[in-house]
PDB file of N, CA and C in Angstrom:
ATOM      1  N   MET A   1       0.878  -1.088  -0.014  1.00  0.00           N
ATOM      2  CA  MET A   1       0.016  -0.094   0.003  1.00  0.00           C
ATOM      3  C   MET A   1       0.817   1.165  -0.035  1.00  0.00           C
ATOM      4  N   GLU A   2       0.577   2.207  -0.765  1.00  0.00           N
ATOM      5  CA  GLU A   2       1.395   3.452  -0.914  1.00  0.00           C
ATOM      6  C   GLU A   2       0.612   4.515  -0.120  1.00  0.00           C
ATOM      7  N   ILE A   3       1.383   5.282   0.711  1.00  0.00           N
ATOM      8  CA  ILE A   3       0.561   6.273   1.455  1.00  0.00           C
ATOM      9  C   ILE A   3       1.562   7.454   1.450  1.00  0.00           C
ATOM     10  N   ASP A   4       0.907   8.629   1.040  1.00  0.00           N
ATOM     11  CA  ASP A   4       1.666   9.812   0.873  1.00  0.00           C
ATOM     12  C   ASP A   4       2.081  10.420   2.190  1.00  0.00           C
ATOM     13  N   ALA A   5       2.957  11.352   2.245  1.00  0.00           N
ATOM     14  CA  ALA A   5       3.471  11.949   3.371  1.00  0.00           C
ATOM     15  C   ALA A   5       2.522  12.477   4.374  1.00  0.00           C
ATOM     16  N   GLU A   6       1.444  13.180   3.825  1.00  0.00           N
ATOM     17  CA  GLU A   6       0.491  13.927   4.743  1.00  0.00           C
ATOM     18  C   GLU A   6      -0.306  12.788   5.331  1.00  0.00           C
ATOM     19  N   ALA A   7      -0.840  11.662   4.581  1.00  0.00           N
ATOM     20  CA  ALA A   7      -1.554  10.657   5.273  1.00  0.00           C
ATOM     21  C   ALA A   7      -0.765   9.869   6.244  1.00  0.00           C
ATOM     22  N   ASN A   8       0.661   9.616   5.990  1.00  0.00           N
ATOM     23  CA  ASN A   8       1.462   8.964   7.033  1.00  0.00           C
ATOM     24  C   ASN A   8       1.470   9.796   8.234  1.00  0.00           C
ATOM     25  N   LYS A   9       1.659  11.063   8.212  1.00  0.00           N
ATOM     26  CA  LYS A   9       1.662  11.916   9.448  1.00  0.00           C
ATOM     27  C   LYS A   9       0.294  11.646  10.201  1.00  0.00           C
ATOM     28  N   VAL A  10      -0.770  11.664   9.485  1.00  0.00           N
ATOM     29  CA  VAL A  10      -2.098  11.536  10.055  1.00  0.00           C
ATOM     30  C   VAL A  10      -2.024  10.272  10.828  1.00  0.00           C
ATOM     31  N   ILE A  11      -1.701   9.139  10.199  1.00  0.00           N
ATOM     32  CA  ILE A  11      -1.687   7.826  10.728  1.00  0.00           C
ATOM     33  C   ILE A  11      -0.856   7.952  11.903  1.00  0.00           C
ATOM     34  N   ASN A  12       0.457   8.378  11.817  1.00  0.00           N
ATOM     35  CA  ASN A  12       1.326   8.314  13.050  1.00  0.00           C
ATOM     36  C   ASN A  12       0.797   9.251  14.301  1.00  0.00           C
ATOM     37  N   LEU A  13       0.109  10.304  13.878  1.00  0.00           N
ATOM     38  CA  LEU A  13      -0.562  11.082  15.015  1.00  0.00           C
ATOM     39  C   LEU A  13      -1.660  10.310  15.756  1.00  0.00           C
ATOM     40  N   LEU A  14      -2.408   9.586  14.794  1.00  0.00           N
ATOM     41  CA  LEU A  14      -3.452   8.775  15.485  1.00  0.00           C
ATOM     42  C   LEU A  14      -2.865   7.504  16.277  1.00  0.00           C
ATOM     43  N   LYS A  15      -2.011   7.024  15.845  1.00  0.00           N
ATOM     44  CA  LYS A  15      -1.151   6.011  16.562  1.00  0.00           C
ATOM     45  C   LYS A  15      -0.605   6.363  17.895  1.00  0.00           C
ATOM     46  N   ALA A  16       0.074   7.575  17.951  1.00  0.00           N
ATOM     47  CA  ALA A  16       0.414   8.098  19.176  1.00  0.00           C
ATOM     48  C   ALA A  16      -0.769   8.427  20.079  1.00  0.00           C
ATOM     49  N   GLN A  17      -1.752   9.081  19.583  1.00  0.00           N
ATOM     50  CA  GLN A  17      -2.840   9.771  20.288  1.00  0.00           C
ATOM     51  C   GLN A  17      -3.594   8.572  21.114  1.00  0.00           C
ATOM     52  N   TYR A  18      -3.729   7.505  20.326  1.00  0.00           N
ATOM     53  CA  TYR A  18      -4.599   6.512  20.995  1.00  0.00           C
ATOM     54  C   TYR A  18      -3.725   5.376  21.526  1.00  0.00           C
ATOM     55  N   GLY A  19      -2.454   5.524  21.437  1.00  0.00           N
ATOM     56  CA  GLY A  19      -1.578   4.495  21.978  1.00  0.00           C
ATOM     57  C   GLY A  19      -1.480   3.145  21.271  1.00  0.00           C
ATOM     58  N   LEU A  20      -1.739   3.214  20.025  1.00  0.00           N
ATOM     59  CA  LEU A  20      -1.860   2.013  19.161  1.00  0.00           C
ATOM     60  C   LEU A  20      -0.585   1.306  19.009  1.00  0.00           C
ATOM     61  N   ARG A  21      -0.468   0.069  18.591  1.00  0.00           N
ATOM     62  CA  ARG A  21       0.808  -0.615  18.439  1.00  0.00           C
ATOM     63  C   ARG A  21       1.412  -0.566  17.210  1.00  0.00           C
ATOM     64  N   ASP A  22       0.614  -0.302  15.952  1.00  0.00           N
ATOM     65  CA  ASP A  22       1.250  -0.071  14.758  1.00  0.00           C
ATOM     66  C   ASP A  22       0.184   0.770  13.732  1.00  0.00           C
ATOM     67  N   LYS A  23       0.656   0.915  12.634  1.00  0.00           N
ATOM     68  CA  LYS A  23      -0.027   1.628  11.705  1.00  0.00           C
ATOM     69  C   LYS A  23      -1.316   0.951  11.256  1.00  0.00           C
ATOM     70  N   SER A  24      -1.268  -0.222  11.205  1.00  0.00           N
ATOM     71  CA  SER A  24      -2.547  -1.085  10.864  1.00  0.00           C
ATOM     72  C   SER A  24      -3.857  -0.799  11.952  1.00  0.00           C
ATOM     73  N   ALA A  25      -3.261  -0.729  13.091  1.00  0.00           N
ATOM     74  CA  ALA A  25      -4.464  -0.335  14.265  1.00  0.00           C
ATOM     75  C   ALA A  25      -4.911   1.027  13.975  1.00  0.00           C
ATOM     76  N   ALA A  26      -4.042   1.928  13.605  1.00  0.00           N
ATOM     77  CA  ALA A  26      -4.308   3.424  13.510  1.00  0.00           C
ATOM     78  C   ALA A  26      -5.231   3.439  12.079  1.00  0.00           C
ATOM     79  N   ILE A  27      -5.100   2.833  11.038  1.00  0.00           N
ATOM     80  CA  ILE A  27      -5.882   2.846  10.009  1.00  0.00           C
ATOM     81  C   ILE A  27      -7.226   2.150  10.199  1.00  0.00           C
ATOM     82  N   ASN A  28      -7.154   1.133  11.123  1.00  0.00           N
ATOM     83  CA  ASN A  28      -8.351   0.484  11.541  1.00  0.00           C
ATOM     84  C   ASN A  28      -9.323   1.496  12.265  1.00  0.00           C
ATOM     85  N   LYS A  29      -8.789   2.191  13.294  1.00  0.00           N
ATOM     86  CA  LYS A  29      -9.328   3.265  14.085  1.00  0.00           C
ATOM     87  C   LYS A  29      -9.990   4.403  13.159  1.00  0.00           C
ATOM     88  N   MET A  30      -9.097   4.717  12.188  1.00  0.00           N
ATOM     89  CA  MET A  30      -9.557   5.704  11.312  1.00  0.00           C
ATOM     90  C   MET A  30     -10.769   5.320  10.452  1.00  0.00           C
ATOM     91  N   ALA A  31     -10.850   4.089  10.002  1.00  0.00           N
ATOM     92  CA  ALA A  31     -11.922   3.598   9.311  1.00  0.00           C
ATOM     93  C   ALA A  31     -13.128   3.500  10.104  1.00  0.00           C
ATOM     94  N   LYS A  32     -13.014   3.050  11.387  1.00  0.00           N
ATOM     95  CA  LYS A  32     -14.272   3.123  12.319  1.00  0.00           C
ATOM     96  C   LYS A  32     -14.637   4.438  12.540  1.00  0.00           C
ATOM     97  N   GLN A  33     -13.895   5.442  12.792  1.00  0.00           N
ATOM     98  CA  GLN A  33     -14.254   6.722  12.896  1.00  0.00           C
ATOM     99  C   GLN A  33     -14.992   7.298  11.681  1.00  0.00           C
ATOM    100  N   TYR A  34     -14.481   7.065  10.531  1.00  0.00           N
ATOM    101  CA  TYR A  34     -15.150   7.444   9.292  1.00  0.00           C
ATOM    102  C   TYR A  34     -16.492   6.837   9.212  1.00  0.00           C
ATOM    103  N   LYS A  35     -16.653   5.583   9.488  1.00  0.00           N
ATOM    104  CA  LYS A  35     -17.830   4.908   9.355  1.00  0.00           C
ATOM    105  C   LYS A  35     -18.877   5.548  10.214  1.00  0.00           C
ATOM    106  N   GLU A  36     -18.456   5.876  11.526  1.00  0.00           N
ATOM    107  CA  GLU A  36     -19.360   6.482  12.528  1.00  0.00           C
ATOM    108  C   GLU A  36     -19.721   7.931  12.188  1.00  0.00           C
ATOM    109  N   ILE A  37     -18.848   8.748  11.583  1.00  0.00           N
ATOM    110  CA  ILE A  37     -19.047  10.047  11.448  1.00  0.00           C
ATOM    111  C   ILE A  37     -19.550  10.305  10.026  1.00  0.00           C
ATOM    112  N   VAL A  38     -19.217   9.728   9.014  1.00  0.00           N
ATOM    113  CA  VAL A  38     -19.738   9.977   7.672  1.00  0.00           C
ATOM    114  C   VAL A  38     -20.790   8.991   7.160  1.00  0.00           C
ATOM    115  N   LEU A  39     -20.553   7.683   7.360  1.00  0.00           N
ATOM    116  CA  LEU A  39     -21.354   6.686   6.790  1.00  0.00           C
ATOM    117  C   LEU A  39     -22.730   6.432   7.610  1.00  0.00           C
ATOM    118  N   GLU A  40     -22.619   6.525   8.866  1.00  0.00           N
ATOM    119  CA  GLU A  40     -23.806   6.251   9.753  1.00  0.00           C
ATOM    120  C   GLU A  40     -24.468   7.614  10.132  1.00  0.00           C
ATOM    121  N   SER A  41     -23.913   8.663   9.568  1.00  0.00           N
ATOM    122  CA  SER A  41     -24.398   9.979  10.016  1.00  0.00           C
ATOM    123  C   SER A  41     -25.695  10.245   9.521  1.00  0.00           C
ATOM    124  N   GLU A  42     -26.606  10.986  10.089  1.00  0.00           N
ATOM    125  CA  GLU A  42     -27.879  11.450   9.600  1.00  0.00           C
ATOM    126  C   GLU A  42     -27.386  12.719   8.465  1.00  0.00           C
ATOM    127  N   PHE A  43     -26.272  13.248   8.611  1.00  0.00           N
ATOM    128  CA  PHE A  43     -25.952  14.392   7.766  1.00  0.00           C
ATOM    129  C   PHE A  43     -25.104  13.946   6.532  1.00  0.00           C
ATOM    130  N   LYS A  44     -25.432  14.801   5.492  1.00  0.00           N
ATOM    131  CA  LYS A  44     -24.840  14.666   4.338  1.00  0.00           C
ATOM    132  C   LYS A  44     -23.376  14.743   4.579  1.00  0.00           C
ATOM    133  N   PRO A  45     -22.435  13.975   3.812  1.00  0.00           N
ATOM    134  CA  PRO A  45     -20.835  14.030   3.947  1.00  0.00           C
ATOM    135  C   PRO A  45     -20.312  15.553   3.707  1.00  0.00           C
ATOM    136  N   GLU A  46     -21.054  16.420   2.768  1.00  0.00           N
ATOM    137  CA  GLU A  46     -20.556  17.598   2.443  1.00  0.00           C
ATOM    138  C   GLU A  46     -20.693  18.519   3.793  1.00  0.00           C
ATOM    139  N   TYR A  47     -21.837  18.237   4.394  1.00  0.00           N
ATOM    140  CA  TYR A  47     -22.030  19.066   5.650  1.00  0.00           C
ATOM    141  C   TYR A  47     -21.087  18.719   6.786  1.00  0.00           C
ATOM    142  N   VAL A  48     -20.842  17.410   6.809  1.00  0.00           N
ATOM    143  CA  VAL A  48     -19.792  17.017   7.882  1.00  0.00           C
ATOM    144  C   VAL A  48     -18.541  17.609   7.638  1.00  0.00           C
ATOM    145  N   ARG A  49     -17.945  17.576   6.247  1.00  0.00           N
ATOM    146  CA  ARG A  49     -16.823  18.270   5.997  1.00  0.00           C
ATOM    147  C   ARG A  49     -16.693  19.665   6.102  1.00  0.00           C
ATOM    148  N   LYS A  50     -17.857  20.458   5.994  1.00  0.00           N
ATOM    149  CA  LYS A  50     -17.965  21.893   6.224  1.00  0.00           C
ATOM    150  C   LYS A  50     -17.807  22.096   7.745  1.00  0.00           C
ATOM    151  N   LEU A  51     -18.504  21.346   8.394  1.00  0.00           N
ATOM    152  CA  LEU A  51     -18.569  21.494   9.919  1.00  0.00           C
ATOM    153  C   LEU A  51     -17.091  21.301  10.565  1.00  0.00           C
ATOM    154  N   VAL A  52     -16.461  20.222  10.118  1.00  0.00           N
ATOM    155  CA  VAL A  52     -15.109  19.954  10.560  1.00  0.00           C
ATOM    156  C   VAL A  52     -14.079  21.283  10.135  1.00  0.00           C
ATOM    157  N   GLU A  53     -14.325  21.613   8.992  1.00  0.00           N
ATOM    158  CA  GLU A  53     -13.502  22.959   8.654  1.00  0.00           C
ATOM    159  C   GLU A  53     -13.824  24.091   9.498  1.00  0.00           C
ATOM    160  N   ILE A  54     -15.182  24.354   9.820  1.00  0.00           N
ATOM    161  CA  ILE A  54     -15.510  25.531  10.765  1.00  0.00           C
ATOM    162  C   ILE A  54     -14.862  25.192  12.292  1.00  0.00           C
ATOM    163  N   GLN A  55     -14.834  23.977  12.592  1.00  0.00           N
ATOM    164  CA  GLN A  55     -14.378  23.596  13.960  1.00  0.00           C
ATOM    165  C   GLN A  55     -12.918  23.987  14.006  1.00  0.00           C
ATOM    166  N   LYS A  56     -12.106  23.966  12.860  1.00  0.00           N
ATOM    167  CA  LYS A  56     -10.654  24.159  12.948  1.00  0.00           C
ATOM    168  C   LYS A  56     -10.457  25.791  12.861  1.00  0.00           C
ATOM    169  N   GLN A  57     -11.449  26.573  12.679  1.00  0.00           N
ATOM    170  CA  GLN A  57     -11.368  27.997  12.803  1.00  0.00           C
ATOM    171  C   GLN A  57     -11.173  28.493  14.285  1.00  0.00           C
ATOM    172  N   PRO A  58     -10.258  29.684  14.360  1.00  0.00           N
ATOM    173  CA  PRO A  58     -10.225  30.144  15.677  1.00  0.00           C
ATOM    174  C   PRO A  58     -11.508  30.763  16.201  1.00  0.00           C
ATOM    175  N   ILE A  59     -11.767  30.524  17.485  1.00  0.00           N
ATOM    176  CA  ILE A  59     -12.927  31.040  18.235  1.00  0.00           C
ATOM    177  C   ILE A  59     -12.871  32.586  18.456  1.00  0.00           C
ATOM    178  N   ILE A  60     -13.902  33.216  18.161  1.00  0.00           N
ATOM    179  CA  ILE A  60     -13.974  34.595  18.447  1.00  0.00           C
ATOM    180  C   ILE A  60     -14.678  34.875  19.651  1.00  0.00           C
ATOM    181  N   ARG A  61     -14.068  35.309  20.648  1.00  0.00           N
ATOM    182  CA  ARG A  61     -14.689  35.782  21.951  1.00  0.00           C
ATOM    183  C   ARG A  61     -15.227  37.207  21.835  1.00  0.00           C
ATOM    184  N   VAL A  62     -16.503  37.424  22.026  1.00  0.00           N
ATOM    185  CA  VAL A  62     -17.061  38.734  21.978  1.00  0.00           C
ATOM    186  C   VAL A  62     -17.534  39.310  23.218  1.00  0.00           C
ATOM    187  N   GLY A  63     -17.528  38.539  24.286  1.00  0.00           N
ATOM    188  CA  GLY A  63     -17.897  38.992  25.695  1.00  0.00           C
ATOM    189  C   GLY A  63     -19.450  39.336  25.783  1.00  0.00           C
ATOM    190  N   SER A  64     -19.676  40.583  26.123  1.00  0.00           N
ATOM    191  CA  SER A  64     -21.179  40.958  26.296  1.00  0.00           C
ATOM    192  C   SER A  64     -21.693  41.399  25.029  1.00  0.00           C
ATOM    193  N   THR A  65     -23.067  41.650  25.054  1.00  0.00           N
ATOM    194  CA  THR A  65     -23.727  42.227  23.674  1.00  0.00           C
ATOM    195  C   THR A  65     -23.215  43.525  23.480  1.00  0.00           C
ATOM    196  N   SER A  66     -22.942  44.229  24.458  1.00  0.00           N
ATOM    197  CA  SER A  66     -22.404  45.675  24.182  1.00  0.00           C
ATOM    198  C   SER A  66     -21.031  45.604  23.494  1.00  0.00           C
ATOM    199  N   GLU A  67     -20.099  44.668  23.914  1.00  0.00           N
ATOM    200  CA  GLU A  67     -19.035  44.584  23.240  1.00  0.00           C
ATOM    201  C   GLU A  67     -19.050  44.025  21.786  1.00  0.00           C
ATOM    202  N   LEU A  68     -20.014  43.209  21.565  1.00  0.00           N
ATOM    203  CA  LEU A  68     -20.350  42.653  20.280  1.00  0.00           C
ATOM    204  C   LEU A  68     -20.742  43.934  19.457  1.00  0.00           C
ATOM    205  N   ARG A  69     -21.533  44.662  19.831  1.00  0.00           N
ATOM    206  CA  ARG A  69     -22.180  45.781  19.213  1.00  0.00           C
ATOM    207  C   ARG A  69     -20.954  46.816  18.795  1.00  0.00           C
ATOM    208  N   LYS A  70     -20.092  46.924  19.705  1.00  0.00           N
ATOM    209  CA  LYS A  70     -19.039  47.834  19.570  1.00  0.00           C
ATOM    210  C   LYS A  70     -18.073  47.325  18.536  1.00  0.00           C
ATOM    211  N   ARG A  71     -17.750  46.069  18.532  1.00  0.00           N
ATOM    212  CA  ARG A  71     -16.814  45.394  17.572  1.00  0.00           C
ATOM    213  C   ARG A  71     -17.327  45.512  16.187  1.00  0.00           C
ATOM    214  N   TYR A  72     -18.522  45.316  15.910  1.00  0.00           N
ATOM    215  CA  TYR A  72     -19.327  45.329  14.662  1.00  0.00           C
ATOM    216  C   TYR A  72     -19.862  46.703  14.272  1.00  0.00           C
ATOM    217  N   GLY A  73     -19.855  47.752  15.085  1.00  0.00           N
ATOM    218  CA  GLY A  73     -20.349  49.040  14.689  1.00  0.00           C
ATOM    219  C   GLY A  73     -21.779  49.010  14.782  1.00  0.00           C
ATOM    220  N   LEU A  74     -22.460  48.166  15.652  1.00  0.00           N
ATOM    221  CA  LEU A  74     -24.034  48.113  15.772  1.00  0.00           C
ATOM    222  C   LEU A  74     -24.438  49.135  16.778  1.00  0.00           C
ATOM    223  N   LYS A  75     -25.677  49.605  16.690  1.00  0.00           N
ATOM    224  CA  LYS A  75     -26.159  50.486  17.578  1.00  0.00           C
ATOM    225  C   LYS A  75     -26.942  49.785  18.513  1.00  0.00           C
TER     226      LYS A  75
END
């Protein structure tokens, strides 16, 4: 099986994160997660991908409603 550098990095991260013994275990874990999140999901795969991208974005803390209004120039 040929795996590119980015996929290899992800597999190694999963392996370390879950304390798995080898790359096969990491690939199995990834397949199970994919099945749960994408295949068994009630949501369309495009929506799940978009949600994952949104979750990667930095959180904007606005504080109170007055701070929110001030930030965006609202009255």
